[in-house]
Amino acid sequence: MNADLFRGKWDVFKGELKQEWGKFTDDDLLSVRGDYDNFMALAQERYPGRQVEIRRWTDEWYSVVQFPAPPTDPPLIS
């Protein structure tokens, strides 16, 4: 995970994070402020034993943001 990318997309990420992983509070997310290491430490507190799952979900989310799927061409109308 690129720490600069994580920090740069934090505002968008935290909204989706709360939808997927509801135990994170607004105060939690304010304290993290886009710091990946702090986020993972907090993930361990909120979801003991699920760090690998959260890390995988986070990495997948960021890979989509960093490398979005190319737009598909609209079908040709004859």
C-alpha atoms as a PDB file:
ATOM      1  CA  MET A   1       0.000   0.000   0.000  1.00  0.00           C
ATOM      2  CA  ASN A   2       1.376   3.380  -1.006  1.00  0.00           C
ATOM      3  CA  ALA A   3       1.113   5.605   2.090  1.00  0.00           C
ATOM      4  CA  ASP A   4       0.846   8.809   0.037  1.00  0.00           C
ATOM      5  CA  LEU A   5      -1.978   7.388  -2.040  1.00  0.00           C
ATOM      6  CA  PHE A   6      -3.719   6.203   1.114  1.00  0.00           C
ATOM      7  CA  ARG A   7      -3.495   9.670   2.630  1.00  0.00           C
ATOM      8  CA  GLY A   8      -4.594  11.336  -0.602  1.00  0.00           C
ATOM      9  CA  LYS A   9      -7.746   9.240  -0.975  1.00  0.00           C
ATOM     10  CA  TRP A  10      -8.571   9.147   2.739  1.00  0.00           C
ATOM     11  CA  ASP A  11     -11.685  11.338   2.599  1.00  0.00           C
ATOM     12  CA  VAL A  12     -13.306   9.139  -0.047  1.00  0.00           C
ATOM     13  CA  PHE A  13     -12.057   5.930   1.528  1.00  0.00           C
ATOM     14  CA  LYS A  14     -13.343   6.568   5.036  1.00  0.00           C
ATOM     15  CA  GLY A  15     -16.962   6.862   3.861  1.00  0.00           C
ATOM     16  CA  GLU A  16     -16.818   3.491   2.140  1.00  0.00           C
ATOM     17  CA  LEU A  17     -14.878   2.048   5.054  1.00  0.00           C
ATOM     18  CA  LYS A  18     -17.669   2.943   7.477  1.00  0.00           C
ATOM     19  CA  GLN A  19     -20.231   1.312   5.192  1.00  0.00           C
ATOM     20  CA  GLU A  20     -18.247  -1.910   4.945  1.00  0.00           C
ATOM     21  CA  TRP A  21     -16.757  -2.004   8.445  1.00  0.00           C
ATOM     22  CA  GLY A  22     -19.246  -0.266  10.744  1.00  0.00           C
ATOM     23  CA  LYS A  23     -17.280  -0.486  13.997  1.00  0.00           C
ATOM     24  CA  PHE A  24     -15.057   2.433  12.978  1.00  0.00           C
ATOM     25  CA  THR A  25     -16.366   5.644  14.531  1.00  0.00           C
ATOM     26  CA  ASP A  26     -16.027   9.206  13.259  1.00  0.00           C
ATOM     27  CA  ASP A  27     -13.602   9.871  16.118  1.00  0.00           C
ATOM     28  CA  ASP A  28     -11.539   6.837  15.076  1.00  0.00           C
ATOM     29  CA  LEU A  29     -11.288   8.112  11.537  1.00  0.00           C
ATOM     30  CA  LEU A  30     -10.396  11.627  12.668  1.00  0.00           C
ATOM     31  CA  SER A  31      -7.574  10.231  14.777  1.00  0.00           C
ATOM     32  CA  VAL A  32      -6.173   8.192  11.868  1.00  0.00           C
ATOM     33  CA  ARG A  33      -6.083  11.157   9.448  1.00  0.00           C
ATOM     34  CA  GLY A  34      -5.011   9.013   6.538  1.00  0.00           C
ATOM     35  CA  ASP A  35      -2.050   7.325   8.232  1.00  0.00           C
ATOM     36  CA  TYR A  36      -1.990   3.704   7.028  1.00  0.00           C
ATOM     37  CA  ASP A  37      -0.077   2.328  10.017  1.00  0.00           C
ATOM     38  CA  ASN A  38      -2.453   4.020  12.464  1.00  0.00           C
ATOM     39  CA  PHE A  39      -5.390   2.700  10.455  1.00  0.00           C
ATOM     40  CA  MET A  40      -4.138  -0.880  10.627  1.00  0.00           C
ATOM     41  CA  ALA A  41      -3.488  -0.582  14.373  1.00  0.00           C
ATOM     42  CA  LEU A  42      -7.040   0.678  14.827  1.00  0.00           C
ATOM     43  CA  ALA A  43      -8.352  -2.146  12.616  1.00  0.00           C
ATOM     44  CA  GLN A  44      -6.724  -4.616  15.016  1.00  0.00           C
ATOM     45  CA  GLU A  45      -8.513  -2.950  17.955  1.00  0.00           C
ATOM     46  CA  ARG A  46     -11.924  -2.840  16.278  1.00  0.00           C
ATOM     47  CA  TYR A  47     -11.741  -6.192  14.483  1.00  0.00           C
ATOM     48  CA  PRO A  48      -9.311  -8.497  16.325  1.00  0.00           C
ATOM     49  CA  GLY A  49      -8.129 -11.334  14.118  1.00  0.00           C
ATOM     50  CA  ARG A  50      -9.473  -9.789  10.903  1.00  0.00           C
ATOM     51  CA  GLN A  51      -6.507  -7.615   9.942  1.00  0.00           C
ATOM     52  CA  VAL A  52      -5.678  -9.703   6.883  1.00  0.00           C
ATOM     53  CA  GLU A  53      -9.251  -9.408   5.641  1.00  0.00           C
ATOM     54  CA  ILE A  54      -9.305  -5.649   6.242  1.00  0.00           C
ATOM     55  CA  ARG A  55      -5.892  -5.209   4.598  1.00  0.00           C
ATOM     56  CA  ARG A  56      -7.087  -7.196   1.560  1.00  0.00           C
ATOM     57  CA  TRP A  57     -10.297  -5.154   1.327  1.00  0.00           C
ATOM     58  CA  THR A  58      -8.298  -1.909   1.636  1.00  0.00           C
ATOM     59  CA  ASP A  59      -5.762  -2.958  -1.007  1.00  0.00           C
ATOM     60  CA  GLU A  60      -8.540  -3.970  -3.412  1.00  0.00           C
ATOM     61  CA  TRP A  61     -10.361  -0.670  -2.851  1.00  0.00           C
ATOM     62  CA  TYR A  62      -7.216   1.318  -3.563  1.00  0.00           C
ATOM     63  CA  SER A  63      -6.267  -0.722  -6.607  1.00  0.00           C
ATOM     64  CA  VAL A  64      -9.638   0.147  -8.138  1.00  0.00           C
ATOM     65  CA  VAL A  65      -9.131   3.833  -7.290  1.00  0.00           C
ATOM     66  CA  GLN A  66      -5.553   3.883  -8.576  1.00  0.00           C
ATOM     67  CA  PHE A  67      -6.190   1.764 -11.677  1.00  0.00           C
ATOM     68  CA  PRO A  68      -9.858   2.142 -12.601  1.00  0.00           C
ATOM     69  CA  ALA A  69     -11.220  -0.112 -15.295  1.00  0.00           C
ATOM     70  CA  PRO A  70     -11.033   1.528 -18.709  1.00  0.00           C
ATOM     71  CA  PRO A  71     -14.362   2.731 -20.041  1.00  0.00           C
ATOM     72  CA  THR A  72     -16.071   0.380 -22.381  1.00  0.00           C
ATOM     73  CA  ASP A  73     -17.071   1.526 -25.824  1.00  0.00           C
ATOM     74  CA  PRO A  74     -20.806   1.874 -26.243  1.00  0.00           C
ATOM     75  CA  PRO A  75     -22.340  -0.738 -28.497  1.00  0.00           C
ATOM     76  CA  LEU A  76     -22.536   0.188 -32.141  1.00  0.00           C
ATOM     77  CA  ILE A  77     -26.059   0.906 -33.243  1.00  0.00           C
ATOM     78  CA  SER A  78     -26.778  -0.138 -36.800  1.00  0.00           C
END
